[in-house]
Amino acid sequence: MKLIVNPVAANGTVGKRWPRIRDFLRAEGAEFDAVLTERPGHATELARQALAEGHRIIVAVGGDGTVNEVVNGLMVEGAVDPAVALGIIPGGTGADLARTLGIPRDDEGACRCLLRSRRRLIDLGEIICIREGREVHRYFANVAGLGFDGEVADLANRNPLTKALGGTIPYLICLLIALITYRNKNAEVSFDGQSLKGRVTSVFVANGQYLAGGMHMAPHAAPDDGLFDVIVLGDFGKLELAANVAKVYRGTHLTIPKVDEYRGVKEVRVKAQERMLIQADGELVGQAPTTFRIVPQALWVVA
């Protein structure tokens, strides 16, 4: 078993917790190697290295961004070896995939879950988008979002002070900052023979249910049904959007007239007339035009 630890997640909180996690696993008789990430993207490299070393359980210790990097390292030529499983010891500012999968967020509970070795086969999402003028391919396990959500993720990733406060608070701070400058996008969203055109605030392509430290964006999404849930936030005004944030955290926003839910989607295409940023599992990955494709039964997770 290989543990990939992001010591700077949650403003260094994961690094401070790591010795306790390590000692607990040793006391329980677990056999493992561990390595600490040193820079953005490093977890992807370390996951590939762990595969080459023959490890078959590879554990992300950190937030959703760490999980995302490890997942992208496990994907080789569009597939994960079925003998390989992902483990998660949640940390960081979100841990939203762990919420959906029912993995405990406390260290001891997460470690015991890992040591039980029960496995669940989940889907992944593939993203084809534009970054710095070239086409890129990325994978995600939880939720991808375009538009306002992408702008908020960009702010959160560039501002370490917001990371220091943990889960929900940094998202709300960045949300309020983005409200000042963000303008809704003229976009076209296409899937399953449908095409939606008009001004939108955000488009979410969900494999999991939660994002942004507990925001219950896609309450009906299932990470193992071979399908996306797509949530489209229409042309919200700034005050209107701010007034409905609490409903999104409670998962009661689907009754709002400007919110549309589309279930059972395998592929989504989004075009935009203006810059429309994309986040995946909280990490900024590029901008539209973009295509999202479901990769069914792609990854075993210890959960």
C-alpha atoms as a PDB file:
ATOM      1  CA  MET A   1       0.000   0.000   0.000  1.00  0.00           C
ATOM      2  CA  LYS A   2       1.325   3.432  -0.969  1.00  0.00           C
ATOM      3  CA  LEU A   3       0.187   6.609   0.783  1.00  0.00           C
ATOM      4  CA  ILE A   4       0.547   9.898  -1.085  1.00  0.00           C
ATOM      5  CA  VAL A   5       0.366  12.697   1.485  1.00  0.00           C
ATOM      6  CA  ASN A   6      -0.223  16.343   0.637  1.00  0.00           C
ATOM      7  CA  PRO A   7       1.310  18.087   3.675  1.00  0.00           C
ATOM      8  CA  VAL A   8       0.204  21.585   2.618  1.00  0.00           C
ATOM      9  CA  ALA A   9      -3.485  20.692   2.240  1.00  0.00           C
ATOM     10  CA  ALA A  10      -5.738  22.866   4.419  1.00  0.00           C
ATOM     11  CA  ASN A  11      -2.899  25.323   4.945  1.00  0.00           C
ATOM     12  CA  GLY A  12      -0.619  22.648   6.371  1.00  0.00           C
ATOM     13  CA  THR A  13      -3.156  20.939   8.615  1.00  0.00           C
ATOM     14  CA  VAL A  14      -2.713  17.603   6.833  1.00  0.00           C
ATOM     15  CA  GLY A  15       1.047  17.800   7.360  1.00  0.00           C
ATOM     16  CA  LYS A  16       0.503  18.323  11.079  1.00  0.00           C
ATOM     17  CA  ARG A  17      -1.946  15.398  11.257  1.00  0.00           C
ATOM     18  CA  TRP A  18       0.209  13.046   9.221  1.00  0.00           C
ATOM     19  CA  PRO A  19       2.399  11.719  12.107  1.00  0.00           C
ATOM     20  CA  ARG A  20      -0.739  10.689  14.024  1.00  0.00           C
ATOM     21  CA  ILE A  21      -2.168   8.990  10.940  1.00  0.00           C
ATOM     22  CA  ARG A  22       1.130   7.190  10.315  1.00  0.00           C
ATOM     23  CA  ASP A  23       1.432   6.033  13.912  1.00  0.00           C
ATOM     24  CA  PHE A  24      -2.175   4.819  14.044  1.00  0.00           C
ATOM     25  CA  LEU A  25      -1.739   2.735  10.889  1.00  0.00           C
ATOM     26  CA  ARG A  26       1.490   1.233  12.232  1.00  0.00           C
ATOM     27  CA  ALA A  27      -0.180   0.391  15.540  1.00  0.00           C
ATOM     28  CA  GLU A  28      -2.925  -1.404  13.601  1.00  0.00           C
ATOM     29  CA  GLY A  29      -0.310  -3.500  11.802  1.00  0.00           C
ATOM     30  CA  ALA A  30      -0.717  -1.919   8.367  1.00  0.00           C
ATOM     31  CA  GLU A  31       2.131  -2.360   5.901  1.00  0.00           C
ATOM     32  CA  PHE A  32       2.668   0.725   3.778  1.00  0.00           C
ATOM     33  CA  ASP A  33       5.106   3.126   2.205  1.00  0.00           C
ATOM     34  CA  ALA A  34       4.466   6.864   2.252  1.00  0.00           C
ATOM     35  CA  VAL A  35       5.671   9.840   0.264  1.00  0.00           C
ATOM     36  CA  LEU A  36       4.918  13.550   0.606  1.00  0.00           C
ATOM     37  CA  THR A  37       4.000  15.774  -2.310  1.00  0.00           C
ATOM     38  CA  GLU A  38       6.256  18.756  -2.982  1.00  0.00           C
ATOM     39  CA  ARG A  39       4.414  20.819  -5.622  1.00  0.00           C
ATOM     40  CA  PRO A  40       1.161  21.047  -7.597  1.00  0.00           C
ATOM     41  CA  GLY A  41       0.767  18.041  -9.880  1.00  0.00           C
ATOM     42  CA  HIS A  42       3.268  15.984  -7.923  1.00  0.00           C
ATOM     43  CA  ALA A  43       0.624  13.534  -6.654  1.00  0.00           C
ATOM     44  CA  THR A  44      -0.068  12.509 -10.254  1.00  0.00           C
ATOM     45  CA  GLU A  45       3.613  11.712 -10.779  1.00  0.00           C
ATOM     46  CA  LEU A  46       3.803   9.833  -7.485  1.00  0.00           C
ATOM     47  CA  ALA A  47       0.724   7.755  -8.328  1.00  0.00           C
ATOM     48  CA  ARG A  48       2.310   6.723 -11.635  1.00  0.00           C
ATOM     49  CA  GLN A  49       5.506   5.846  -9.786  1.00  0.00           C
ATOM     50  CA  ALA A  50       3.540   3.792  -7.258  1.00  0.00           C
ATOM     51  CA  LEU A  51       1.971   1.814 -10.100  1.00  0.00           C
ATOM     52  CA  ALA A  52       5.400   1.158 -11.576  1.00  0.00           C
ATOM     53  CA  GLU A  53       6.588  -0.067  -8.166  1.00  0.00           C
ATOM     54  CA  GLY A  54       3.752  -2.605  -8.124  1.00  0.00           C
ATOM     55  CA  HIS A  55       1.510  -1.066  -5.471  1.00  0.00           C
ATOM     56  CA  ARG A  56      -2.132  -2.001  -5.853  1.00  0.00           C
ATOM     57  CA  ILE A  57      -3.713   0.161  -3.140  1.00  0.00           C
ATOM     58  CA  ILE A  58      -2.763   3.813  -3.551  1.00  0.00           C
ATOM     59  CA  VAL A  59      -4.060   6.202  -0.907  1.00  0.00           C
ATOM     60  CA  ALA A  60      -4.602   9.945  -1.272  1.00  0.00           C
ATOM     61  CA  VAL A  61      -4.114  11.735   2.050  1.00  0.00           C
ATOM     62  CA  GLY A  62      -5.449  15.244   1.498  1.00  0.00           C
ATOM     63  CA  GLY A  63      -8.360  17.102  -0.034  1.00  0.00           C
ATOM     64  CA  ASP A  64     -10.327  16.611  -3.232  1.00  0.00           C
ATOM     65  CA  GLY A  65      -7.539  18.222  -5.243  1.00  0.00           C
ATOM     66  CA  THR A  66      -5.098  15.591  -3.988  1.00  0.00           C
ATOM     67  CA  VAL A  67      -7.589  12.852  -4.856  1.00  0.00           C
ATOM     68  CA  ASN A  68      -7.995  14.374  -8.321  1.00  0.00           C
ATOM     69  CA  GLU A  69      -4.253  14.343  -8.953  1.00  0.00           C
ATOM     70  CA  VAL A  70      -3.937  10.731  -7.795  1.00  0.00           C
ATOM     71  CA  VAL A  71      -6.877   9.669  -9.982  1.00  0.00           C
ATOM     72  CA  ASN A  72      -5.216  11.260 -13.004  1.00  0.00           C
ATOM     73  CA  GLY A  73      -2.051   9.345 -12.176  1.00  0.00           C
ATOM     74  CA  LEU A  74      -3.929   6.040 -11.962  1.00  0.00           C
ATOM     75  CA  MET A  75      -5.552   6.539 -15.365  1.00  0.00           C
ATOM     76  CA  VAL A  76      -3.231   5.044 -17.980  1.00  0.00           C
ATOM     77  CA  GLU A  77      -4.336   5.237 -21.621  1.00  0.00           C
ATOM     78  CA  GLY A  78      -7.901   5.959 -20.526  1.00  0.00           C
ATOM     79  CA  ALA A  79      -8.288   3.153 -18.003  1.00  0.00           C
ATOM     80  CA  VAL A  80      -7.331   2.110 -14.484  1.00  0.00           C
ATOM     81  CA  ASP A  81      -5.930  -1.370 -13.904  1.00  0.00           C
ATOM     82  CA  PRO A  82      -8.822  -3.286 -12.256  1.00  0.00           C
ATOM     83  CA  ALA A  83      -6.350  -4.728  -9.760  1.00  0.00           C
ATOM     84  CA  VAL A  84      -5.679  -1.214  -8.453  1.00  0.00           C
ATOM     85  CA  ALA A  85      -7.795   0.559  -5.822  1.00  0.00           C
ATOM     86  CA  LEU A  86      -7.844   4.118  -4.548  1.00  0.00           C
ATOM     87  CA  GLY A  87      -7.893   4.776  -0.824  1.00  0.00           C
ATOM     88  CA  ILE A  88      -8.820   8.135   0.709  1.00  0.00           C
ATOM     89  CA  ILE A  89      -7.893   9.621   4.073  1.00  0.00           C
ATOM     90  CA  PRO A  90      -9.750  12.935   3.803  1.00  0.00           C
ATOM     91  CA  GLY A  91      -8.132  16.265   4.563  1.00  0.00           C
ATOM     92  CA  GLY A  92      -7.877  19.588   2.820  1.00  0.00           C
ATOM     93  CA  THR A  93     -10.599  22.165   2.457  1.00  0.00           C
ATOM     94  CA  GLY A  94     -13.318  20.026   0.909  1.00  0.00           C
ATOM     95  CA  ALA A  95     -13.283  16.220   1.272  1.00  0.00           C
ATOM     96  CA  ASP A  96     -16.511  16.218  -0.724  1.00  0.00           C
ATOM     97  CA  LEU A  97     -15.978  12.917  -2.546  1.00  0.00           C
ATOM     98  CA  ALA A  98     -15.534  11.263   0.848  1.00  0.00           C
ATOM     99  CA  ARG A  99     -18.929  12.702   1.889  1.00  0.00           C
ATOM    100  CA  THR A 100     -20.646  11.054  -1.063  1.00  0.00           C
ATOM    101  CA  LEU A 101     -18.849   7.735  -0.542  1.00  0.00           C
ATOM    102  CA  GLY A 102     -19.451   7.672   3.208  1.00  0.00           C
ATOM    103  CA  ILE A 103     -15.772   7.656   4.135  1.00  0.00           C
ATOM    104  CA  PRO A 104     -15.330   9.079   7.655  1.00  0.00           C
ATOM    105  CA  ARG A 105     -13.692  12.499   7.750  1.00  0.00           C
ATOM    106  CA  ASP A 106     -11.896  11.902  11.065  1.00  0.00           C
ATOM    107  CA  ASP A 107      -8.451  10.333  10.816  1.00  0.00           C
ATOM    108  CA  GLU A 108      -9.095   7.234  12.898  1.00  0.00           C
ATOM    109  CA  GLY A 109     -12.402   6.482  11.185  1.00  0.00           C
ATOM    110  CA  ALA A 110     -10.865   6.938   7.734  1.00  0.00           C
ATOM    111  CA  CYS A 111      -7.945   4.688   8.630  1.00  0.00           C
ATOM    112  CA  ARG A 112     -10.247   1.956   9.927  1.00  0.00           C
ATOM    113  CA  CYS A 113     -12.293   2.232   6.735  1.00  0.00           C
ATOM    114  CA  LEU A 114      -9.088   1.836   4.727  1.00  0.00           C
ATOM    115  CA  LEU A 115      -7.966  -1.192   6.717  1.00  0.00           C
ATOM    116  CA  ARG A 116     -11.347  -2.940   6.287  1.00  0.00           C
ATOM    117  CA  SER A 117     -10.534  -2.990   2.547  1.00  0.00           C
ATOM    118  CA  ARG A 118     -14.147  -2.995   1.375  1.00  0.00           C
ATOM    119  CA  ARG A 119     -14.187  -1.871  -2.247  1.00  0.00           C
ATOM    120  CA  ARG A 120     -16.704   0.056  -4.289  1.00  0.00           C
ATOM    121  CA  LEU A 121     -16.556   0.456  -8.056  1.00  0.00           C
ATOM    122  CA  ILE A 122     -17.255   4.028  -9.147  1.00  0.00           C
ATOM    123  CA  ASP A 123     -17.457   5.976 -12.382  1.00  0.00           C
ATOM    124  CA  LEU A 124     -15.124   8.767 -13.439  1.00  0.00           C
ATOM    125  CA  GLY A 125     -15.627  11.759 -15.679  1.00  0.00           C
ATOM    126  CA  GLU A 126     -13.371  12.693 -18.580  1.00  0.00           C
ATOM    127  CA  ILE A 127     -12.888  16.335 -19.566  1.00  0.00           C
ATOM    128  CA  ILE A 128     -11.611  17.547 -22.920  1.00  0.00           C
ATOM    129  CA  CYS A 129     -11.055  21.302 -22.788  1.00  0.00           C
ATOM    130  CA  ILE A 130      -8.714  24.150 -23.653  1.00  0.00           C
ATOM    131  CA  ARG A 131      -5.848  25.298 -21.442  1.00  0.00           C
ATOM    132  CA  GLU A 132      -3.278  27.887 -22.485  1.00  0.00           C
ATOM    133  CA  GLY A 133      -4.351  27.520 -26.093  1.00  0.00           C
ATOM    134  CA  ARG A 134      -4.087  23.745 -26.368  1.00  0.00           C
ATOM    135  CA  GLU A 135      -6.423  20.807 -25.894  1.00  0.00           C
ATOM    136  CA  VAL A 136      -6.032  18.892 -22.648  1.00  0.00           C
ATOM    137  CA  HIS A 137      -7.616  15.738 -21.214  1.00  0.00           C
ATOM    138  CA  ARG A 138      -8.327  15.399 -17.495  1.00  0.00           C
ATOM    139  CA  TYR A 139     -10.345  13.050 -15.318  1.00  0.00           C
ATOM    140  CA  PHE A 140     -12.438  13.766 -12.234  1.00  0.00           C
ATOM    141  CA  ALA A 141     -14.111  11.663  -9.585  1.00  0.00           C
ATOM    142  CA  ASN A 142     -16.555  14.079  -8.020  1.00  0.00           C
ATOM    143  CA  VAL A 143     -17.960  17.248  -9.655  1.00  0.00           C
ATOM    144  CA  ALA A 144     -16.863  19.593 -12.430  1.00  0.00           C
ATOM    145  CA  GLY A 145     -18.281  23.084 -12.804  1.00  0.00           C
ATOM    146  CA  LEU A 146     -18.101  25.867 -15.359  1.00  0.00           C
ATOM    147  CA  GLY A 147     -18.706  29.590 -15.118  1.00  0.00           C
ATOM    148  CA  PHE A 148     -19.157  31.193 -11.731  1.00  0.00           C
ATOM    149  CA  ASP A 149     -17.951  28.018 -10.026  1.00  0.00           C
ATOM    150  CA  GLY A 150     -14.772  28.049 -12.106  1.00  0.00           C
ATOM    151  CA  GLU A 151     -14.094  31.666 -11.170  1.00  0.00           C
ATOM    152  CA  VAL A 152     -14.566  30.875  -7.467  1.00  0.00           C
ATOM    153  CA  ALA A 153     -12.192  27.889  -7.728  1.00  0.00           C
ATOM    154  CA  ASP A 154      -9.638  30.095  -9.445  1.00  0.00           C
ATOM    155  CA  LEU A 155      -9.839  32.598  -6.593  1.00  0.00           C
ATOM    156  CA  ALA A 156      -9.636  29.871  -3.931  1.00  0.00           C
ATOM    157  CA  ASN A 157      -6.590  28.259  -5.537  1.00  0.00           C
ATOM    158  CA  ARG A 158      -4.768  31.587  -5.848  1.00  0.00           C
ATOM    159  CA  ASN A 159      -5.517  32.859  -2.338  1.00  0.00           C
ATOM    160  CA  PRO A 160      -3.802  30.839   0.442  1.00  0.00           C
ATOM    161  CA  LEU A 161      -5.474  32.924   3.152  1.00  0.00           C
ATOM    162  CA  THR A 162      -8.874  31.476   2.302  1.00  0.00           C
ATOM    163  CA  LYS A 163      -7.462  27.938   2.412  1.00  0.00           C
ATOM    164  CA  ALA A 164      -6.354  28.521   5.999  1.00  0.00           C
ATOM    165  CA  LEU A 165      -9.935  28.653   7.272  1.00  0.00           C
ATOM    166  CA  GLY A 166     -11.004  25.193   6.030  1.00  0.00           C
ATOM    167  CA  GLY A 167     -14.044  23.737   4.178  1.00  0.00           C
ATOM    168  CA  THR A 168     -17.105  25.938   3.802  1.00  0.00           C
ATOM    169  CA  ILE A 169     -15.662  29.304   4.857  1.00  0.00           C
ATOM    170  CA  PRO A 170     -13.091  29.754   2.057  1.00  0.00           C
ATOM    171  CA  TYR A 171     -15.669  28.962  -0.602  1.00  0.00           C
ATOM    172  CA  LEU A 172     -18.057  31.544   0.807  1.00  0.00           C
ATOM    173  CA  ILE A 173     -15.307  34.177   0.960  1.00  0.00           C
ATOM    174  CA  CYS A 174     -14.307  33.549  -2.644  1.00  0.00           C
ATOM    175  CA  LEU A 175     -17.955  33.411  -3.671  1.00  0.00           C
ATOM    176  CA  LEU A 176     -18.515  36.887  -2.274  1.00  0.00           C
ATOM    177  CA  ILE A 177     -15.405  38.204  -4.020  1.00  0.00           C
ATOM    178  CA  ALA A 178     -16.487  36.652  -7.325  1.00  0.00           C
ATOM    179  CA  LEU A 179     -19.945  38.187  -6.989  1.00  0.00           C
ATOM    180  CA  ILE A 180     -18.377  41.617  -7.388  1.00  0.00           C
ATOM    181  CA  THR A 181     -16.681  40.927 -10.730  1.00  0.00           C
ATOM    182  CA  TYR A 182     -18.383  37.934 -12.355  1.00  0.00           C
ATOM    183  CA  ARG A 183     -20.664  38.308 -15.356  1.00  0.00           C
ATOM    184  CA  ASN A 184     -22.953  35.511 -16.508  1.00  0.00           C
ATOM    185  CA  LYS A 185     -21.961  33.753 -19.728  1.00  0.00           C
ATOM    186  CA  ASN A 186     -23.711  33.278 -23.042  1.00  0.00           C
ATOM    187  CA  ALA A 187     -23.405  29.536 -23.417  1.00  0.00           C
ATOM    188  CA  GLU A 188     -24.726  26.516 -25.285  1.00  0.00           C
ATOM    189  CA  VAL A 189     -25.088  23.272 -23.339  1.00  0.00           C
ATOM    190  CA  SER A 190     -25.742  20.133 -25.406  1.00  0.00           C
ATOM    191  CA  PHE A 191     -26.499  16.569 -24.292  1.00  0.00           C
ATOM    192  CA  ASP A 192     -28.700  13.642 -25.289  1.00  0.00           C
ATOM    193  CA  GLY A 193     -30.048  15.448 -28.330  1.00  0.00           C
ATOM    194  CA  GLN A 194     -30.952  18.560 -26.330  1.00  0.00           C
ATOM    195  CA  SER A 195     -29.392  21.981 -26.750  1.00  0.00           C
ATOM    196  CA  LEU A 196     -29.840  24.792 -24.238  1.00  0.00           C
ATOM    197  CA  LYS A 197     -28.801  28.306 -25.232  1.00  0.00           C
ATOM    198  CA  GLY A 198     -28.761  31.485 -23.186  1.00  0.00           C
ATOM    199  CA  ARG A 199     -27.122  33.271 -20.305  1.00  0.00           C
ATOM    200  CA  VAL A 200     -26.097  31.007 -17.443  1.00  0.00           C
ATOM    201  CA  THR A 201     -24.392  31.487 -14.117  1.00  0.00           C
ATOM    202  CA  SER A 202     -22.909  27.989 -13.838  1.00  0.00           C
ATOM    203  CA  VAL A 203     -23.110  24.495 -15.281  1.00  0.00           C
ATOM    204  CA  PHE A 204     -22.287  21.527 -13.036  1.00  0.00           C
ATOM    205  CA  VAL A 205     -21.486  18.035 -14.302  1.00  0.00           C
ATOM    206  CA  ALA A 206     -21.802  15.757 -11.292  1.00  0.00           C
ATOM    207  CA  ASN A 207     -20.618  12.255 -10.557  1.00  0.00           C
ATOM    208  CA  GLY A 208     -20.785  12.877  -6.798  1.00  0.00           C
ATOM    209  CA  GLN A 209     -23.237  14.932  -4.774  1.00  0.00           C
ATOM    210  CA  TYR A 210     -21.174  17.543  -2.924  1.00  0.00           C
ATOM    211  CA  LEU A 211     -18.644  20.267  -3.646  1.00  0.00           C
ATOM    212  CA  ALA A 212     -17.112  23.318  -1.965  1.00  0.00           C
ATOM    213  CA  GLY A 213     -16.980  21.862   1.522  1.00  0.00           C
ATOM    214  CA  GLY A 214     -20.493  20.442   1.768  1.00  0.00           C
ATOM    215  CA  MET A 215     -22.544  22.264  -0.863  1.00  0.00           C
ATOM    216  CA  HIS A 216     -25.199  19.682  -1.829  1.00  0.00           C
ATOM    217  CA  MET A 217     -25.267  20.636  -5.499  1.00  0.00           C
ATOM    218  CA  ALA A 218     -26.409  17.331  -7.034  1.00  0.00           C
ATOM    219  CA  PRO A 219     -28.431  15.546  -4.331  1.00  0.00           C
ATOM    220  CA  HIS A 220     -29.578  12.755  -6.661  1.00  0.00           C
ATOM    221  CA  ALA A 221     -26.192  11.935  -8.210  1.00  0.00           C
ATOM    222  CA  ALA A 222     -24.802   8.430  -7.753  1.00  0.00           C
ATOM    223  CA  PRO A 223     -21.107   7.812  -8.448  1.00  0.00           C
ATOM    224  CA  ASP A 224     -21.712   4.259  -9.642  1.00  0.00           C
ATOM    225  CA  ASP A 225     -24.704   4.504 -12.000  1.00  0.00           C
ATOM    226  CA  GLY A 226     -22.744   5.154 -15.217  1.00  0.00           C
ATOM    227  CA  LEU A 227     -24.408   8.549 -15.655  1.00  0.00           C
ATOM    228  CA  PHE A 228     -23.887  12.227 -14.882  1.00  0.00           C
ATOM    229  CA  ASP A 229     -26.344  14.565 -13.238  1.00  0.00           C
ATOM    230  CA  VAL A 230     -26.203  18.015 -14.866  1.00  0.00           C
ATOM    231  CA  ILE A 231     -27.275  21.079 -12.883  1.00  0.00           C
ATOM    232  CA  VAL A 232     -27.676  24.366 -14.754  1.00  0.00           C
ATOM    233  CA  LEU A 233     -27.934  27.622 -12.825  1.00  0.00           C
ATOM    234  CA  GLY A 234     -29.641  30.109 -15.127  1.00  0.00           C
ATOM    235  CA  ASP A 235     -29.299  33.866 -15.418  1.00  0.00           C
ATOM    236  CA  PHE A 236     -29.134  34.740 -11.711  1.00  0.00           C
ATOM    237  CA  GLY A 237     -28.607  38.301 -10.548  1.00  0.00           C
ATOM    238  CA  LYS A 238     -25.914  38.863  -7.945  1.00  0.00           C
ATOM    239  CA  LEU A 239     -28.238  39.434  -5.008  1.00  0.00           C
ATOM    240  CA  GLU A 240     -30.502  36.619  -6.186  1.00  0.00           C
ATOM    241  CA  LEU A 241     -27.551  34.213  -6.284  1.00  0.00           C
ATOM    242  CA  ALA A 242     -26.289  35.262  -2.854  1.00  0.00           C
ATOM    243  CA  ALA A 243     -29.774  34.870  -1.383  1.00  0.00           C
ATOM    244  CA  ASN A 244     -29.985  31.241  -2.531  1.00  0.00           C
ATOM    245  CA  VAL A 245     -26.564  29.958  -1.416  1.00  0.00           C
ATOM    246  CA  ALA A 246     -27.998  28.489   1.792  1.00  0.00           C
ATOM    247  CA  LYS A 247     -30.511  26.474  -0.245  1.00  0.00           C
ATOM    248  CA  VAL A 248     -27.683  24.935  -2.265  1.00  0.00           C
ATOM    249  CA  TYR A 249     -25.913  23.797   0.906  1.00  0.00           C
ATOM    250  CA  ARG A 250     -29.155  22.206   2.082  1.00  0.00           C
ATOM    251  CA  GLY A 251     -29.791  20.606  -1.321  1.00  0.00           C
ATOM    252  CA  THR A 252     -33.172  22.348  -1.655  1.00  0.00           C
ATOM    253  CA  HIS A 253     -32.207  24.581  -4.593  1.00  0.00           C
ATOM    254  CA  LEU A 254     -33.701  22.312  -7.271  1.00  0.00           C
ATOM    255  CA  THR A 255     -37.114  23.894  -6.717  1.00  0.00           C
ATOM    256  CA  ILE A 256     -35.820  27.353  -7.718  1.00  0.00           C
ATOM    257  CA  PRO A 257     -37.227  28.258 -11.174  1.00  0.00           C
ATOM    258  CA  LYS A 258     -33.822  29.252 -12.561  1.00  0.00           C
ATOM    259  CA  VAL A 259     -32.240  25.908 -11.581  1.00  0.00           C
ATOM    260  CA  ASP A 260     -32.594  22.934 -13.940  1.00  0.00           C
ATOM    261  CA  GLU A 261     -31.592  19.338 -13.207  1.00  0.00           C
ATOM    262  CA  TYR A 262     -30.928  16.804 -15.968  1.00  0.00           C
ATOM    263  CA  ARG A 263     -30.307  13.206 -14.955  1.00  0.00           C
ATOM    264  CA  GLY A 264     -29.011  10.181 -16.809  1.00  0.00           C
ATOM    265  CA  VAL A 265     -26.491  12.006 -19.021  1.00  0.00           C
ATOM    266  CA  LYS A 266     -23.456  10.303 -20.560  1.00  0.00           C
ATOM    267  CA  GLU A 267     -21.892  13.171 -22.505  1.00  0.00           C
ATOM    268  CA  VAL A 268     -22.107  16.957 -22.183  1.00  0.00           C
ATOM    269  CA  ARG A 269     -20.730  19.657 -24.485  1.00  0.00           C
ATOM    270  CA  VAL A 270     -20.440  23.304 -23.515  1.00  0.00           C
ATOM    271  CA  LYS A 271     -19.565  26.247 -25.737  1.00  0.00           C
ATOM    272  CA  ALA A 272     -19.330  29.857 -24.565  1.00  0.00           C
ATOM    273  CA  GLN A 273     -18.987  33.240 -26.222  1.00  0.00           C
ATOM    274  CA  GLU A 274     -16.840  34.563 -23.353  1.00  0.00           C
ATOM    275  CA  ARG A 275     -14.120  32.997 -21.199  1.00  0.00           C
ATOM    276  CA  MET A 276     -15.777  30.262 -19.132  1.00  0.00           C
ATOM    277  CA  LEU A 277     -13.440  28.609 -16.622  1.00  0.00           C
ATOM    278  CA  ILE A 278     -13.745  24.956 -15.589  1.00  0.00           C
ATOM    279  CA  GLN A 279     -12.989  23.434 -12.206  1.00  0.00           C
ATOM    280  CA  ALA A 280     -12.849  19.707 -11.542  1.00  0.00           C
ATOM    281  CA  ASP A 281     -12.793  18.463  -7.944  1.00  0.00           C
ATOM    282  CA  GLY A 282     -11.922  22.022  -6.933  1.00  0.00           C
ATOM    283  CA  GLU A 283      -8.929  22.309  -9.284  1.00  0.00           C
ATOM    284  CA  LEU A 284      -8.892  24.733 -12.204  1.00  0.00           C
ATOM    285  CA  VAL A 285      -8.371  22.665 -15.372  1.00  0.00           C
ATOM    286  CA  GLY A 286      -9.066  24.970 -18.332  1.00  0.00           C
ATOM    287  CA  GLN A 287     -11.929  26.657 -20.144  1.00  0.00           C
ATOM    288  CA  ALA A 288     -14.691  26.052 -22.669  1.00  0.00           C
ATOM    289  CA  PRO A 289     -15.309  24.777 -25.281  1.00  0.00           C
ATOM    290  CA  THR A 290     -15.361  21.476 -23.465  1.00  0.00           C
ATOM    291  CA  THR A 291     -16.721  17.946 -23.600  1.00  0.00           C
ATOM    292  CA  PHE A 292     -17.488  15.784 -20.557  1.00  0.00           C
ATOM    293  CA  ARG A 293     -17.797  12.006 -20.943  1.00  0.00           C
ATOM    294  CA  ILE A 294     -18.709   9.425 -18.323  1.00  0.00           C
ATOM    295  CA  VAL A 295     -16.243   6.577 -17.859  1.00  0.00           C
ATOM    296  CA  PRO A 296     -18.434   3.907 -16.248  1.00  0.00           C
ATOM    297  CA  GLN A 297     -17.133   1.487 -13.606  1.00  0.00           C
ATOM    298  CA  ALA A 298     -13.683   2.992 -13.966  1.00  0.00           C
ATOM    299  CA  LEU A 299     -12.139   2.873 -10.478  1.00  0.00           C
ATOM    300  CA  TRP A 300     -12.237   0.724  -7.374  1.00  0.00           C
ATOM    301  CA  VAL A 301     -12.319   2.805  -4.186  1.00  0.00           C
ATOM    302  CA  VAL A 302     -11.769   1.494  -0.676  1.00  0.00           C
ATOM    303  CA  ALA A 303     -14.894   2.810   1.020  1.00  0.00           C
END
